[in-house]
Amino acid sequence: MKTQAIATKLPTDLTKALDDVCKRLGLRKNFVIEAALREKIEDLLDAEDLQEAVREATGFRPWEEVKKGRNQENPK
């Protein structure tokens, strides 16, 4: 697999936490950062897919609208 370097600025406390956990667990920083980025990207794409599915769903109505309609049809 080809690799490419990226550069970014991170808060000092985050880089210290990364250094500490990698040293404590014997992990490589590259491994931890790559795994975290892959997981975050997957989460973002999943959230986007869910939002798109909700927008495209037939018959989707907000809960407030459903609840209001039920009260009007069957007042109890």
C-alpha atoms as a PDB file:
ATOM      1  CA  MET A   1       0.000   0.000   0.000  1.00  0.00           C
ATOM      2  CA  LYS A   2       1.296   3.411  -0.926  1.00  0.00           C
ATOM      3  CA  THR A   3       1.622   5.937   1.846  1.00  0.00           C
ATOM      4  CA  GLN A   4       1.602   9.706   1.898  1.00  0.00           C
ATOM      5  CA  ALA A   5       2.673  12.053   4.650  1.00  0.00           C
ATOM      6  CA  ILE A   6       0.237  14.604   6.003  1.00  0.00           C
ATOM      7  CA  ALA A   7       0.904  17.468   8.361  1.00  0.00           C
ATOM      8  CA  THR A   8      -1.531  18.951  10.837  1.00  0.00           C
ATOM      9  CA  LYS A   9      -1.486  20.922  14.037  1.00  0.00           C
ATOM     10  CA  LEU A  10      -3.023  19.288  17.086  1.00  0.00           C
ATOM     11  CA  PRO A  11      -3.545  20.531  20.629  1.00  0.00           C
ATOM     12  CA  THR A  12      -0.564  19.847  22.873  1.00  0.00           C
ATOM     13  CA  ASP A  13      -2.645  17.840  25.353  1.00  0.00           C
ATOM     14  CA  LEU A  14      -3.822  15.527  22.568  1.00  0.00           C
ATOM     15  CA  THR A  15      -0.320  14.859  21.259  1.00  0.00           C
ATOM     16  CA  LYS A  16       0.891  14.220  24.809  1.00  0.00           C
ATOM     17  CA  ALA A  17      -1.972  11.772  25.392  1.00  0.00           C
ATOM     18  CA  LEU A  18      -1.097  10.017  22.124  1.00  0.00           C
ATOM     19  CA  ASP A  19       2.560   9.798  23.095  1.00  0.00           C
ATOM     20  CA  ASP A  20       1.677   8.457  26.532  1.00  0.00           C
ATOM     21  CA  VAL A  21      -0.773   5.796  25.363  1.00  0.00           C
ATOM     22  CA  CYS A  22       1.530   4.618  22.576  1.00  0.00           C
ATOM     23  CA  LYS A  23       4.453   4.307  24.981  1.00  0.00           C
ATOM     24  CA  ARG A  24       2.330   2.577  27.639  1.00  0.00           C
ATOM     25  CA  LEU A  25       0.775   0.072  25.212  1.00  0.00           C
ATOM     26  CA  GLY A  26       3.737  -0.335  22.878  1.00  0.00           C
ATOM     27  CA  LEU A  27       1.855   0.967  19.855  1.00  0.00           C
ATOM     28  CA  ARG A  28       3.085   2.967  16.891  1.00  0.00           C
ATOM     29  CA  LYS A  29       1.610   6.448  16.502  1.00  0.00           C
ATOM     30  CA  ASN A  30       0.999   5.872  12.799  1.00  0.00           C
ATOM     31  CA  PHE A  31      -1.098   2.792  13.574  1.00  0.00           C
ATOM     32  CA  VAL A  32      -3.219   4.604  16.179  1.00  0.00           C
ATOM     33  CA  ILE A  33      -3.763   7.681  14.000  1.00  0.00           C
ATOM     34  CA  GLU A  34      -4.613   5.619  10.907  1.00  0.00           C
ATOM     35  CA  ALA A  35      -7.084   3.452  12.832  1.00  0.00           C
ATOM     36  CA  ALA A  36      -8.727   6.503  14.400  1.00  0.00           C
ATOM     37  CA  LEU A  37      -9.051   8.285  11.052  1.00  0.00           C
ATOM     38  CA  ARG A  38     -10.500   5.232   9.335  1.00  0.00           C
ATOM     39  CA  GLU A  39     -13.068   4.783  12.104  1.00  0.00           C
ATOM     40  CA  LYS A  40     -14.023   8.476  12.115  1.00  0.00           C
ATOM     41  CA  ILE A  41     -14.418   8.559   8.328  1.00  0.00           C
ATOM     42  CA  GLU A  42     -16.642   5.467   8.487  1.00  0.00           C
ATOM     43  CA  ASP A  43     -18.760   7.052  11.243  1.00  0.00           C
ATOM     44  CA  LEU A  44     -19.163  10.269   9.242  1.00  0.00           C
ATOM     45  CA  LEU A  45     -20.194   8.390   6.113  1.00  0.00           C
ATOM     46  CA  ASP A  46     -22.628   6.202   8.080  1.00  0.00           C
ATOM     47  CA  ALA A  47     -24.227   9.310   9.609  1.00  0.00           C
ATOM     48  CA  GLU A  48     -24.537  10.898   6.175  1.00  0.00           C
ATOM     49  CA  ASP A  49     -26.096   7.712   4.749  1.00  0.00           C
ATOM     50  CA  LEU A  50     -28.601   7.614   7.611  1.00  0.00           C
ATOM     51  CA  GLN A  51     -29.586  11.241   7.094  1.00  0.00           C
ATOM     52  CA  GLU A  52     -30.036  10.616   3.371  1.00  0.00           C
ATOM     53  CA  ALA A  53     -32.174   7.527   4.046  1.00  0.00           C
ATOM     54  CA  VAL A  54     -34.397   9.490   6.417  1.00  0.00           C
ATOM     55  CA  ARG A  55     -34.823  12.266   3.829  1.00  0.00           C
ATOM     56  CA  GLU A  56     -35.723   9.760   1.123  1.00  0.00           C
ATOM     57  CA  ALA A  57     -37.966   7.512   3.214  1.00  0.00           C
ATOM     58  CA  THR A  58     -41.550   7.437   2.089  1.00  0.00           C
ATOM     59  CA  GLY A  59     -44.046   8.387   4.724  1.00  0.00           C
ATOM     60  CA  PHE A  60     -41.479   9.804   7.112  1.00  0.00           C
ATOM     61  CA  ARG A  61     -42.951  12.425   9.394  1.00  0.00           C
ATOM     62  CA  PRO A  62     -41.414  14.031  12.480  1.00  0.00           C
ATOM     63  CA  TRP A  63     -42.595  12.517  15.769  1.00  0.00           C
ATOM     64  CA  GLU A  64     -44.277  15.783  16.815  1.00  0.00           C
ATOM     65  CA  GLU A  65     -46.431  15.674  13.676  1.00  0.00           C
ATOM     66  CA  VAL A  66     -47.345  12.006  14.186  1.00  0.00           C
ATOM     67  CA  LYS A  67     -48.226  12.606  17.832  1.00  0.00           C
ATOM     68  CA  LYS A  68     -50.336  15.659  16.998  1.00  0.00           C
ATOM     69  CA  GLY A  69     -52.223  13.763  14.286  1.00  0.00           C
ATOM     70  CA  ARG A  70     -52.992  10.868  16.631  1.00  0.00           C
ATOM     71  CA  ASN A  71     -54.414  13.214  19.261  1.00  0.00           C
ATOM     72  CA  GLN A  72     -56.711  14.840  16.705  1.00  0.00           C
ATOM     73  CA  GLU A  73     -58.010  11.504  15.395  1.00  0.00           C
ATOM     74  CA  ASN A  74     -58.465   9.835  18.755  1.00  0.00           C
ATOM     75  CA  PRO A  75     -58.802  12.465  21.502  1.00  0.00           C
ATOM     76  CA  LYS A  76     -58.373  10.840  24.908  1.00  0.00           C
END
